[in-house]
């Protein structure tokens, strides 16, 4: 989280230099510039995005990474996407559908049964 906090503070202080800031730590920081839907911006919550806005870091407990967003431009009216933008979103949506179907198939094939006695013995040991 130290790299994320440090990078966040630097971007917050000088948002226009986000690419240069990210390039300083190529092994720890992944930066991307693309057009995102509002619900894809990390930690936006109920805020309305504005150009120049930097969202607060959102920690992923699973892998100890953090994400935040810098809003360069806001499109208030729907506009047509380029082929590459639409293609990326379509692939992402399709991947989510495939993963959901795969998970459902695995749950049917390998149903999970919790042995309550063993679970209680583990919980009681802590």
Foldseek 3Di string as FASTA:
>chain_A
DVLVVVLLVVCLVPVVCNVVSQVVCVVQHDDDDDDDDPVPFPQCPPPDDDAQDKHDWDADPVVRHIDIDHHHDDDPDDDDDDPVNVVVVVVVVVVVVVVVVVVVVCCVVPPDDDDVVVVVVVVVVD
